[in-house]
């Protein structure tokens, strides 16, 4: 999330990026409500599955702006010693030109090779359809897609439902202040949710990787969230919850 706020996002060919909150019972935050929605089906898929992207995948969807295989010291030296006199005052093209000179494209990764599948399983119209379609990738030929299926299947249903709804809300026009205000209130709700406590226990404390997630009535948005709905003071969010029958 902090990485995405930067105008220049440099990765190496070995970098790996993800928003893996599905595994711990939290949710993709720190602005992910917007930058996942901005990337359509790909953002929804990565938010629901916590799939790890290679540098190629991150660059392909705009998470990364440059790929560089130079040593860290060399990169810092070039950036620190930019000749600013050749650029107008305050012109950040100097940084962009410097990073462009070190940019080294890499071949497509598993995300690029799975775009058709991602768009077919993540339609963003019905939560249950998207959820079941991703789970159905358990027999896909791609290891990456099978891992995505497993992540969602073993992940917190409450996180999946919340992430899907936040993606819907994020597609609307909101200021960054409103986005961060919603995420602040959602975070306050989520850290009190049993799944977050259980996720931290299973992954960070006992490390048994066997969380016992809270069971809903069914795998619908209402069935998962209606017992303890994430109501906030932001009316557009509450209206979304009403629209999908959560409240």
Protein backbone atom coordinates (compact mmCIF):
# COMPACT_ATOMS: atom_id res chain seq x y z
CA UNK A 1 0.00 0.00 0.00
CA UNK A 2 2.76 2.47 0.87
CA UNK A 3 4.65 1.39 -2.25
CA UNK A 4 1.67 2.26 -4.44
CA UNK A 5 1.58 5.83 -3.13
CA UNK A 6 4.99 6.58 -4.67
CA UNK A 7 5.18 8.10 -8.18
CA UNK A 8 8.14 5.86 -9.01
CA UNK A 9 7.98 2.20 -8.01
CA UNK A 10 11.20 0.34 -8.73
CA UNK A 11 11.45 -3.45 -8.51
CA UNK A 12 14.16 -5.95 -9.34
CA UNK A 13 13.67 -9.03 -11.57
CA UNK A 14 13.45 -11.03 -8.34
CA UNK A 15 10.87 -8.86 -6.57
CA UNK A 16 7.60 -10.39 -5.44
CA UNK A 17 4.51 -8.31 -4.65
CA UNK A 18 1.18 -9.24 -3.10
CA UNK A 19 -1.64 -8.14 -0.82
CA UNK A 20 -1.97 -11.46 1.07
CA UNK A 21 -4.40 -10.40 3.80
CA UNK A 22 -6.77 -13.23 2.88
CA UNK A 23 -4.33 -15.54 4.68
CA UNK A 24 -4.43 -13.67 7.97
CA UNK A 25 -8.05 -12.54 8.15
CA UNK A 26 -7.44 -8.83 7.63
CA UNK A 27 -8.16 -7.14 4.25
CA UNK A 28 -6.15 -5.25 1.58
CA UNK A 29 -5.81 -1.77 3.05
CA UNK A 30 -3.55 1.33 2.87
CA UNK A 31 -5.33 2.57 -0.24
CA UNK A 32 -5.91 -0.86 -1.79
CA UNK A 33 -9.64 -0.10 -1.76
CA UNK A 34 -8.89 2.23 -4.65
CA UNK A 35 -5.83 0.85 -6.43
CA UNK A 36 -7.29 -2.66 -6.62
CA UNK A 37 -10.56 -1.29 -8.00
CA UNK A 38 -8.63 0.80 -10.52
CA UNK A 39 -7.24 -2.42 -12.01
CA UNK A 40 -10.60 -4.05 -12.59
CA UNK A 41 -10.81 -7.82 -12.59
CA UNK A 42 -7.07 -8.17 -11.98
CA UNK A 43 -7.31 -6.08 -8.83
CA UNK A 44 -10.30 -8.07 -7.61
CA UNK A 45 -8.53 -11.37 -8.27
CA UNK A 46 -5.31 -10.37 -6.51
CA UNK A 47 -7.25 -8.94 -3.59
CA UNK A 48 -9.33 -12.08 -3.12
CA UNK A 49 -6.48 -14.56 -3.57
CA UNK A 50 -3.42 -12.74 -2.26
CA UNK A 51 -1.60 -14.09 -5.32
CA UNK A 52 2.10 -13.29 -5.47
CA UNK A 53 3.14 -11.34 -8.55
CA UNK A 54 6.54 -11.45 -10.17
CA UNK A 55 8.23 -8.26 -11.33
CA UNK A 56 6.76 -8.85 -14.79
CA UNK A 57 3.24 -9.07 -13.42
CA UNK A 58 3.67 -6.00 -11.22
CA UNK A 59 5.03 -4.00 -14.14
CA UNK A 60 2.37 -5.32 -16.50
CA UNK A 61 -0.51 -3.98 -14.40
CA UNK A 62 1.24 -0.79 -13.34
CA UNK A 63 2.08 -1.71 -9.78
CA UNK A 64 5.74 -1.21 -10.67
CA UNK A 65 6.98 1.59 -12.93
CA UNK A 66 10.51 0.30 -13.55
CA UNK A 67 12.42 -2.99 -13.39
CA UNK A 68 16.13 -2.75 -12.69
CA UNK A 69 18.75 -5.46 -12.22
CA UNK A 70 21.54 -3.09 -11.09
CA UNK A 71 22.95 -3.22 -7.59
CA UNK A 72 21.24 -1.06 -4.98
CA UNK A 73 24.31 1.13 -4.46
CA UNK A 74 24.55 1.82 -8.19
CA UNK A 75 20.88 2.80 -8.43
CA UNK A 76 21.13 5.14 -5.46
CA UNK A 77 24.30 6.70 -6.84
CA UNK A 78 22.63 7.54 -10.14
CA UNK A 79 19.54 8.97 -8.48
CA UNK A 80 21.50 11.01 -5.94
CA UNK A 81 23.74 12.44 -8.66
CA UNK A 82 21.04 13.49 -11.12
CA UNK A 83 22.02 16.61 -13.05
CA UNK A 84 19.02 18.75 -12.14
CA UNK A 85 20.33 21.75 -14.10
CA UNK A 86 19.14 20.18 -17.34
CA UNK A 87 15.52 20.13 -16.12
CA UNK A 88 13.07 22.87 -15.10
CA UNK A 89 12.76 23.41 -11.37
CA UNK A 90 10.56 20.78 -9.75
CA UNK A 91 10.44 18.63 -12.90
CA UNK A 92 10.33 14.99 -11.82
CA UNK A 93 11.13 13.84 -15.35
CA UNK A 94 14.74 13.85 -14.19
CA UNK A 95 14.01 10.88 -11.94
CA UNK A 96 11.91 9.17 -14.59
CA UNK A 97 14.63 9.58 -17.23
CA UNK A 98 17.25 8.22 -14.84
CA UNK A 99 15.19 5.17 -13.94
CA UNK A 100 14.27 4.65 -17.59
CA UNK A 101 17.96 4.42 -18.42
CA UNK A 102 18.25 1.48 -16.01
CA UNK A 103 14.95 -0.19 -16.87
CA UNK A 104 15.32 -3.75 -18.10
CA UNK A 105 12.11 -5.46 -19.32
CA UNK A 106 11.58 -9.10 -18.41
CA UNK A 107 9.49 -11.81 -20.02
CA UNK A 108 5.83 -12.31 -19.14
CA UNK A 109 5.03 -13.94 -15.81
CA UNK A 110 2.16 -16.14 -14.65
CA UNK A 111 -0.19 -13.20 -14.21
CA UNK A 112 0.11 -12.12 -17.86
CA UNK A 113 -0.32 -15.73 -18.94
CA UNK A 114 -3.54 -15.97 -16.91
CA UNK A 115 -5.35 -12.78 -17.92
CA UNK A 116 -8.11 -14.54 -19.87
CA UNK A 117 -8.82 -16.85 -16.94
CA UNK A 118 -8.79 -13.97 -14.44
CA UNK A 119 -11.36 -12.03 -16.46
CA UNK A 120 -13.55 -15.12 -16.81
CA UNK A 121 -13.65 -15.93 -13.10
CA UNK A 122 -13.76 -12.38 -11.72
CA UNK A 123 -16.74 -10.62 -13.23
CA UNK A 124 -17.46 -8.44 -10.22
CA UNK A 125 -21.23 -8.89 -10.49
CA UNK A 126 -21.98 -11.64 -7.99
CA UNK A 127 -19.77 -12.49 -5.03
CA UNK A 128 -20.72 -16.17 -4.91
CA UNK A 129 -20.01 -16.59 -8.62
CA UNK A 130 -16.56 -15.03 -8.31
CA UNK A 131 -15.76 -16.97 -5.14
CA UNK A 132 -16.83 -20.35 -6.53
CA UNK A 133 -15.19 -19.71 -9.91
CA UNK A 134 -11.82 -19.00 -8.31
CA UNK A 135 -12.15 -22.06 -6.07
CA UNK A 136 -12.86 -24.01 -9.25
CA UNK A 137 -9.34 -23.27 -10.48
CA UNK A 138 -8.05 -26.03 -8.21
CA UNK A 139 -7.57 -28.23 -11.27
CA UNK A 140 -6.07 -25.54 -13.52
CA UNK A 141 -2.92 -26.34 -15.47
CA UNK A 142 -1.11 -23.32 -14.02
CA UNK A 143 0.57 -23.74 -10.63
CA UNK A 144 -0.04 -20.05 -10.03
CA UNK A 145 -3.78 -20.35 -10.60
CA UNK A 146 -4.02 -23.47 -8.44
CA UNK A 147 -2.24 -21.61 -5.64
CA UNK A 148 -4.68 -18.72 -6.01
CA UNK A 149 -7.56 -21.16 -5.66
CA UNK A 150 -6.01 -22.71 -2.56
CA UNK A 151 -5.37 -19.31 -0.97
CA UNK A 152 -9.00 -18.33 -1.30
CA UNK A 153 -10.32 -21.72 -0.24
CA UNK A 154 -8.19 -21.72 2.91
CA UNK A 155 -8.54 -18.00 3.55
CA UNK A 156 -10.99 -16.07 5.68
CA UNK A 157 -14.49 -15.93 4.14
CA UNK A 158 -15.10 -12.63 5.96
CA UNK A 159 -11.98 -11.15 4.37
CA UNK A 160 -13.08 -12.36 0.94
CA UNK A 161 -16.56 -10.87 1.34
CA UNK A 162 -15.22 -7.59 2.69
CA UNK A 163 -12.58 -7.32 -0.05
CA UNK A 164 -15.20 -7.89 -2.75
CA UNK A 165 -17.43 -5.17 -1.31
CA UNK A 166 -14.55 -2.71 -0.92
CA UNK A 167 -13.65 -3.31 -4.56
CA UNK A 168 -17.22 -2.41 -5.51
CA UNK A 169 -17.14 0.74 -3.39
CA UNK A 170 -13.67 1.67 -4.68
CA UNK A 171 -14.97 1.78 -8.25
CA UNK A 172 -17.06 4.81 -7.30
CA UNK A 173 -15.54 8.29 -7.29
CA UNK A 174 -14.08 9.02 -3.86
CA UNK A 175 -11.44 11.36 -2.54
CA UNK A 176 -8.37 9.83 -0.94
CA UNK A 177 -9.49 11.35 2.37
CA UNK A 178 -12.77 9.46 2.14
CA UNK A 179 -11.00 6.24 1.16
CA UNK A 180 -8.64 6.40 4.11
CA UNK A 181 -11.46 7.36 6.46
CA UNK A 182 -13.43 4.29 5.37
CA UNK A 183 -10.37 2.05 5.68
CA UNK A 184 -9.72 3.43 9.17
CA UNK A 185 -13.23 2.52 10.28
CA UNK A 186 -13.15 -0.85 8.50
CA UNK A 187 -9.80 -1.64 10.14
CA UNK A 188 -11.21 -0.83 13.57
CA UNK A 189 -14.05 -3.26 12.83
CA UNK A 190 -11.81 -5.94 11.33
CA UNK A 191 -9.21 -6.16 14.09
CA UNK A 192 -12.07 -6.93 16.49
CA UNK A 193 -13.42 -9.63 14.19
CA UNK A 194 -12.75 -13.23 15.32
CA UNK A 195 -11.07 -14.08 12.01
CA UNK A 196 -8.28 -11.57 12.48
CA UNK A 197 -7.49 -12.86 15.97
CA UNK A 198 -7.54 -16.42 14.65
CA UNK A 199 -5.49 -15.54 11.58
CA UNK A 200 -2.75 -13.95 13.68
CA UNK A 201 -2.76 -16.96 16.00
CA UNK A 202 -2.50 -19.50 13.19
CA UNK A 203 0.10 -17.71 11.07
CA UNK A 204 2.19 -15.67 13.50
CA UNK A 205 1.81 -17.08 17.01
CA UNK A 206 1.26 -20.86 16.95
CA UNK A 207 2.24 -21.05 13.25
CA UNK A 208 0.13 -24.15 12.71
CA UNK A 209 -1.34 -22.58 9.54
CA UNK A 210 -4.71 -24.09 10.43
CA UNK A 211 -7.05 -21.23 11.28
CA UNK A 212 -10.61 -21.94 12.33
CA UNK A 213 -12.48 -19.16 10.56
CA UNK A 214 -15.87 -17.94 11.73
CA UNK A 215 -18.63 -19.85 9.98
CA UNK A 216 -21.42 -17.95 8.28
CA UNK A 217 -24.85 -19.25 7.40
CA UNK A 218 -23.65 -19.74 3.82
CA UNK A 219 -21.09 -18.30 1.40
CA UNK A 220 -23.20 -15.32 0.38
CA UNK A 221 -22.31 -11.78 1.43
CA UNK A 222 -25.30 -11.75 3.77
CA UNK A 223 -24.51 -15.18 5.18
CA UNK A 224 -20.91 -14.24 5.94
CA UNK A 225 -21.29 -10.68 7.22
CA UNK A 226 -24.84 -10.05 8.43
CA UNK A 227 -24.22 -11.36 11.97
CA UNK A 228 -21.67 -8.60 12.54
CA UNK A 229 -21.91 -6.16 9.61
CA UNK A 230 -19.08 -3.64 8.98
CA UNK A 231 -21.27 -0.53 9.29
CA UNK A 232 -19.45 2.82 9.25
CA UNK A 233 -20.33 6.52 9.37
CA UNK A 234 -19.83 6.77 5.60
CA UNK A 235 -23.27 6.64 4.04
CA UNK A 236 -22.16 5.54 0.56
CA UNK A 237 -20.59 2.44 2.12
CA UNK A 238 -23.66 1.68 4.21
CA UNK A 239 -25.81 2.06 1.09
CA UNK A 240 -23.62 -0.51 -0.62
CA UNK A 241 -24.16 -2.91 2.28
CA UNK A 242 -27.91 -2.39 1.92
CA UNK A 243 -27.74 -2.93 -1.83
CA UNK A 244 -26.12 -6.34 -1.35
CA UNK A 245 -28.40 -7.32 1.53
CA UNK A 246 -25.73 -7.28 4.25
CA UNK A 247 -27.79 -4.86 6.35
